[in-house]
């Protein structure tokens, strides 16, 4: 009869999960894309304003 104990060295995936448990301090967050989006929007508005100024002058 099985005792329900699973040996963490049974396979590589289980051993890695046992040896390096997930931790909130090791999680790497991706940087925010908000500054990139806002910068692109500002550049777009400036390009439209310059194009409009060139067409009207």
PDB file of N, CA and C in Angstrom:
ATOM      1  N   UNK A   1       0.839  -1.168   0.000  1.00  0.00           N
ATOM      2  CA  UNK A   1       0.000   0.000   0.000  1.00  0.00           C
ATOM      3  C   UNK A   1       0.892   1.242   0.000  1.00  0.00           C
ATOM      4  N   UNK A   2       0.509   2.224  -0.763  1.00  0.00           N
ATOM      5  CA  UNK A   2       1.287   3.441  -0.893  1.00  0.00           C
ATOM      6  C   UNK A   2       1.092   4.337   0.330  1.00  0.00           C
ATOM      7  N   UNK A   3       2.185   4.983   0.749  1.00  0.00           N
ATOM      8  CA  UNK A   3       2.072   5.879   1.900  1.00  0.00           C
ATOM      9  C   UNK A   3       1.788   7.313   1.479  1.00  0.00           C
ATOM     10  N   UNK A   4       1.714   7.596   0.169  1.00  0.00           N
ATOM     11  CA  UNK A   4       1.376   8.925  -0.312  1.00  0.00           C
ATOM     12  C   UNK A   4       2.552   9.880  -0.387  1.00  0.00           C
ATOM     13  N   UNK A   5       3.740   9.436   0.027  1.00  0.00           N
ATOM     14  CA  UNK A   5       4.914  10.300  -0.018  1.00  0.00           C
ATOM     15  C   UNK A   5       5.515  10.249  -1.417  1.00  0.00           C
ATOM     16  N   UNK A   6       5.741  11.435  -1.998  1.00  0.00           N
ATOM     17  CA  UNK A   6       6.353  11.513  -3.317  1.00  0.00           C
ATOM     18  C   UNK A   6       7.764  12.044  -3.139  1.00  0.00           C
ATOM     19  N   UNK A   7       8.721  11.279  -3.585  1.00  0.00           N
ATOM     20  CA  UNK A   7      10.122  11.673  -3.482  1.00  0.00           C
ATOM     21  C   UNK A   7      10.400  12.828  -4.448  1.00  0.00           C
ATOM     22  N   UNK A   8      10.847  14.006  -3.956  1.00  0.00           N
ATOM     23  CA  UNK A   8      11.075  15.148  -4.847  1.00  0.00           C
ATOM     24  C   UNK A   8      12.208  14.913  -5.835  1.00  0.00           C
ATOM     25  N   UNK A   9      13.035  13.916  -5.603  1.00  0.00           N
ATOM     26  CA  UNK A   9      14.105  13.624  -6.557  1.00  0.00           C
ATOM     27  C   UNK A   9      13.644  12.633  -7.617  1.00  0.00           C
ATOM     28  N   UNK A  10      12.350  12.383  -7.671  1.00  0.00           N
ATOM     29  CA  UNK A  10      11.811  11.416  -8.614  1.00  0.00           C
ATOM     30  C   UNK A  10      12.025  11.807 -10.064  1.00  0.00           C
ATOM     31  N   UNK A  11      11.916  13.073 -10.364  1.00  0.00           N
ATOM     32  CA  UNK A  11      12.241  13.547 -11.709  1.00  0.00           C
ATOM     33  C   UNK A  11      12.795  14.964 -11.606  1.00  0.00           C
ATOM     34  N   UNK A  12      13.338  15.457 -12.688  1.00  0.00           N
ATOM     35  CA  UNK A  12      14.036  16.747 -12.669  1.00  0.00           C
ATOM     36  C   UNK A  12      13.099  17.894 -12.314  1.00  0.00           C
ATOM     37  N   UNK A  13      11.902  17.899 -12.872  1.00  0.00           N
ATOM     38  CA  UNK A  13      10.963  18.996 -12.612  1.00  0.00           C
ATOM     39  C   UNK A  13      10.585  19.057 -11.133  1.00  0.00           C
ATOM     40  N   UNK A  14      10.294  17.908 -10.547  1.00  0.00           N
ATOM     41  CA  UNK A  14       9.932  17.891  -9.129  1.00  0.00           C
ATOM     42  C   UNK A  14      11.114  18.301  -8.258  1.00  0.00           C
ATOM     43  N   UNK A  15      12.326  17.874  -8.623  1.00  0.00           N
ATOM     44  CA  UNK A  15      13.490  18.236  -7.828  1.00  0.00           C
ATOM     45  C   UNK A  15      13.751  19.737  -7.891  1.00  0.00           C
ATOM     46  N   UNK A  16      13.642  20.334  -9.082  1.00  0.00           N
ATOM     47  CA  UNK A  16      13.865  21.783  -9.202  1.00  0.00           C
ATOM     48  C   UNK A  16      12.831  22.557  -8.403  1.00  0.00           C
ATOM     49  N   UNK A  17      11.578  22.104  -8.419  1.00  0.00           N
ATOM     50  CA  UNK A  17      10.548  22.775  -7.629  1.00  0.00           C
ATOM     51  C   UNK A  17      10.833  22.628  -6.136  1.00  0.00           C
ATOM     52  N   UNK A  18      11.399  21.492  -5.738  1.00  0.00           N
ATOM     53  CA  UNK A  18      11.733  21.272  -4.330  1.00  0.00           C
ATOM     54  C   UNK A  18      12.957  22.085  -3.919  1.00  0.00           C
ATOM     55  N   UNK A  19      13.981  22.110  -4.765  1.00  0.00           N
ATOM     56  CA  UNK A  19      15.228  22.793  -4.436  1.00  0.00           C
ATOM     57  C   UNK A  19      15.093  24.307  -4.525  1.00  0.00           C
ATOM     58  N   UNK A  20      14.297  24.808  -5.460  1.00  0.00           N
ATOM     59  CA  UNK A  20      14.109  26.249  -5.656  1.00  0.00           C
ATOM     60  C   UNK A  20      12.626  26.579  -5.606  1.00  0.00           C
ATOM     61  N   UNK A  21      12.046  26.616  -4.405  1.00  0.00           N
ATOM     62  CA  UNK A  21      10.615  26.894  -4.321  1.00  0.00           C
ATOM     63  C   UNK A  21      10.303  28.307  -4.828  1.00  0.00           C
ATOM     64  N   UNK A  22       9.133  28.485  -5.433  1.00  0.00           N
ATOM     65  CA  UNK A  22       8.769  29.833  -5.891  1.00  0.00           C
ATOM     66  C   UNK A  22       8.717  30.792  -4.713  1.00  0.00           C
ATOM     67  N   UNK A  23       9.294  31.962  -4.910  1.00  0.00           N
ATOM     68  CA  UNK A  23       9.373  32.945  -3.841  1.00  0.00           C
ATOM     69  C   UNK A  23       9.025  34.306  -4.416  1.00  0.00           C
ATOM     70  N   UNK A  24       8.306  35.104  -3.667  1.00  0.00           N
ATOM     71  CA  UNK A  24       7.904  36.431  -4.142  1.00  0.00           C
ATOM     72  C   UNK A  24       9.103  37.353  -4.332  1.00  0.00           C
ATOM     73  N   UNK A  25      10.186  37.124  -3.604  1.00  0.00           N
ATOM     74  CA  UNK A  25      11.346  38.010  -3.725  1.00  0.00           C
ATOM     75  C   UNK A  25      12.164  37.713  -4.972  1.00  0.00           C
ATOM     76  N   UNK A  26      12.038  36.505  -5.535  1.00  0.00           N
ATOM     77  CA  UNK A  26      12.809  36.169  -6.726  1.00  0.00           C
ATOM     78  C   UNK A  26      12.031  36.407  -8.004  1.00  0.00           C
ATOM     79  N   UNK A  27      10.754  36.722  -7.890  1.00  0.00           N
ATOM     80  CA  UNK A  27       9.941  36.969  -9.079  1.00  0.00           C
ATOM     81  C   UNK A  27      10.366  38.288  -9.721  1.00  0.00           C
ATOM     82  N   UNK A  28      10.545  38.252 -11.021  1.00  0.00           N
ATOM     83  CA  UNK A  28      10.967  39.439 -11.752  1.00  0.00           C
ATOM     84  C   UNK A  28       9.752  40.009 -12.467  1.00  0.00           C
ATOM     85  N   UNK A  29       9.435  41.252 -12.157  1.00  0.00           N
ATOM     86  CA  UNK A  29       8.305  41.899 -12.809  1.00  0.00           C
ATOM     87  C   UNK A  29       8.792  42.603 -14.066  1.00  0.00           C
ATOM     88  N   UNK A  30       7.972  42.550 -15.090  1.00  0.00           N
ATOM     89  CA  UNK A  30       8.340  43.255 -16.314  1.00  0.00           C
ATOM     90  C   UNK A  30       8.097  44.749 -16.107  1.00  0.00           C
ATOM     91  N   UNK A  31       8.936  45.573 -16.701  1.00  0.00           N
ATOM     92  CA  UNK A  31       8.762  47.015 -16.530  1.00  0.00           C
ATOM     93  C   UNK A  31       7.478  47.504 -17.192  1.00  0.00           C
ATOM     94  N   UNK A  32       6.985  48.605 -16.707  1.00  0.00           N
ATOM     95  CA  UNK A  32       5.750  49.175 -17.224  1.00  0.00           C
ATOM     96  C   UNK A  32       5.960  49.713 -18.636  1.00  0.00           C
ATOM     97  N   UNK A  33       4.975  49.514 -19.489  1.00  0.00           N
ATOM     98  CA  UNK A  33       5.055  50.012 -20.859  1.00  0.00           C
ATOM     99  C   UNK A  33       4.368  51.370 -20.995  1.00  0.00           C
ATOM    100  N   UNK A  34       3.824  51.892 -19.915  1.00  0.00           N
ATOM    101  CA  UNK A  34       3.108  53.160 -19.962  1.00  0.00           C
ATOM    102  C   UNK A  34       3.969  54.310 -20.474  1.00  0.00           C
ATOM    103  N   UNK A  35       5.202  54.497 -20.020  1.00  0.00           N
ATOM    104  CA  UNK A  35       6.014  55.602 -20.561  1.00  0.00           C
ATOM    105  C   UNK A  35       6.259  55.466 -22.063  1.00  0.00           C
ATOM    106  N   UNK A  36       6.431  54.257 -22.537  1.00  0.00           N
ATOM    107  CA  UNK A  36       6.633  54.038 -23.968  1.00  0.00           C
ATOM    108  C   UNK A  36       5.390  54.422 -24.764  1.00  0.00           C
ATOM    109  N   UNK A  37       4.229  54.047 -24.274  1.00  0.00           N
ATOM    110  CA  UNK A  37       2.972  54.376 -24.951  1.00  0.00           C
ATOM    111  C   UNK A  37       2.743  55.882 -24.939  1.00  0.00           C
ATOM    112  N   UNK A  38       2.969  56.505 -23.787  1.00  0.00           N
ATOM    113  CA  UNK A  38       2.774  57.954 -23.706  1.00  0.00           C
ATOM    114  C   UNK A  38       3.756  58.706 -24.597  1.00  0.00           C
ATOM    115  N   UNK A  39       4.998  58.261 -24.640  1.00  0.00           N
ATOM    116  CA  UNK A  39       5.998  58.884 -25.507  1.00  0.00           C
ATOM    117  C   UNK A  39       5.616  58.752 -26.969  1.00  0.00           C
ATOM    118  N   UNK A  40       5.128  57.599 -27.366  1.00  0.00           N
ATOM    119  CA  UNK A  40       4.675  57.392 -28.743  1.00  0.00           C
ATOM    120  C   UNK A  40       3.497  58.278 -29.086  1.00  0.00           C
ATOM    121  N   UNK A  41       2.582  58.451 -28.146  1.00  0.00           N
ATOM    122  CA  UNK A  41       1.427  59.313 -28.386  1.00  0.00           C
ATOM    123  C   UNK A  41       1.855  60.770 -28.552  1.00  0.00           C
ATOM    124  N   UNK A  42       2.785  61.217 -27.731  1.00  0.00           N
ATOM    125  CA  UNK A  42       3.276  62.600 -27.835  1.00  0.00           C
ATOM    126  C   UNK A  42       3.972  62.817 -29.178  1.00  0.00           C
ATOM    127  N   UNK A  43       4.798  61.868 -29.590  1.00  0.00           N
ATOM    128  CA  UNK A  43       5.482  61.985 -30.876  1.00  0.00           C
ATOM    129  C   UNK A  43       4.468  62.001 -32.014  1.00  0.00           C
ATOM    130  N   UNK A  44       3.446  61.167 -31.930  1.00  0.00           N
ATOM    131  CA  UNK A  44       2.398  61.143 -32.958  1.00  0.00           C
ATOM    132  C   UNK A  44       1.662  62.470 -33.058  1.00  0.00           C
ATOM    133  N   UNK A  45       1.307  63.040 -31.918  1.00  0.00           N
ATOM    134  CA  UNK A  45       0.611  64.332 -31.919  1.00  0.00           C
ATOM    135  C   UNK A  45       1.507  65.417 -32.501  1.00  0.00           C
ATOM    136  N   UNK A  46       2.777  65.409 -32.140  1.00  0.00           N
ATOM    137  CA  UNK A  46       3.704  66.400 -32.683  1.00  0.00           C
ATOM    138  C   UNK A  46       3.861  66.257 -34.194  1.00  0.00           C
ATOM    139  N   UNK A  47       3.934  65.036 -34.686  1.00  0.00           N
ATOM    140  CA  UNK A  47       4.049  64.828 -36.132  1.00  0.00           C
ATOM    141  C   UNK A  47       2.808  65.333 -36.868  1.00  0.00           C
ATOM    142  N   UNK A  48       1.641  65.077 -36.320  1.00  0.00           N
ATOM    143  CA  UNK A  48       0.401  65.571 -36.941  1.00  0.00           C
ATOM    144  C   UNK A  48       0.368  67.091 -36.900  1.00  0.00           C
ATOM    145  N   UNK A  49       0.795  67.700 -35.801  1.00  0.00           N
ATOM    146  CA  UNK A  49       0.800  69.162 -35.701  1.00  0.00           C
ATOM    147  C   UNK A  49       1.768  69.775 -36.697  1.00  0.00           C
ATOM    148  N   UNK A  50       2.956  69.189 -36.847  1.00  0.00           N
ATOM    149  CA  UNK A  50       3.939  69.719 -37.802  1.00  0.00           C
ATOM    150  C   UNK A  50       3.439  69.550 -39.225  1.00  0.00           C
ATOM    151  N   UNK A  51       2.847  68.407 -39.551  1.00  0.00           N
ATOM    152  CA  UNK A  51       2.314  68.175 -40.895  1.00  0.00           C
ATOM    153  C   UNK A  51       1.199  69.159 -41.202  1.00  0.00           C
ATOM    154  N   UNK A  52       0.315  69.379 -40.231  1.00  0.00           N
ATOM    155  CA  UNK A  52      -0.771  70.356 -40.426  1.00  0.00           C
ATOM    156  C   UNK A  52      -0.232  71.757 -40.627  1.00  0.00           C
ATOM    157  N   UNK A  53       0.750  72.139 -39.839  1.00  0.00           N
ATOM    158  CA  UNK A  53       1.359  73.468 -39.971  1.00  0.00           C
ATOM    159  C   UNK A  53       2.011  73.625 -41.341  1.00  0.00           C
ATOM    160  N   UNK A  54       2.687  72.600 -41.838  1.00  0.00           N
ATOM    161  CA  UNK A  54       3.330  72.671 -43.160  1.00  0.00           C
ATOM    162  C   UNK A  54       2.301  72.773 -44.288  1.00  0.00           C
ATOM    163  N   UNK A  55       1.196  72.067 -44.152  1.00  0.00           N
ATOM    164  CA  UNK A  55       0.149  72.094 -45.200  1.00  0.00           C
ATOM    165  C   UNK A  55      -0.527  73.456 -45.205  1.00  0.00           C
ATOM    166  N   UNK A  56      -0.769  74.049 -44.058  1.00  0.00           N
ATOM    167  CA  UNK A  56      -1.507  75.314 -43.978  1.00  0.00           C
ATOM    168  C   UNK A  56      -0.626  76.534 -44.236  1.00  0.00           C
ATOM    169  N   UNK A  57       0.673  76.387 -44.203  1.00  0.00           N
ATOM    170  CA  UNK A  57       1.519  77.576 -44.393  1.00  0.00           C
ATOM    171  C   UNK A  57       1.948  77.733 -45.840  1.00  0.00           C
TER     172      UNK A  57
END
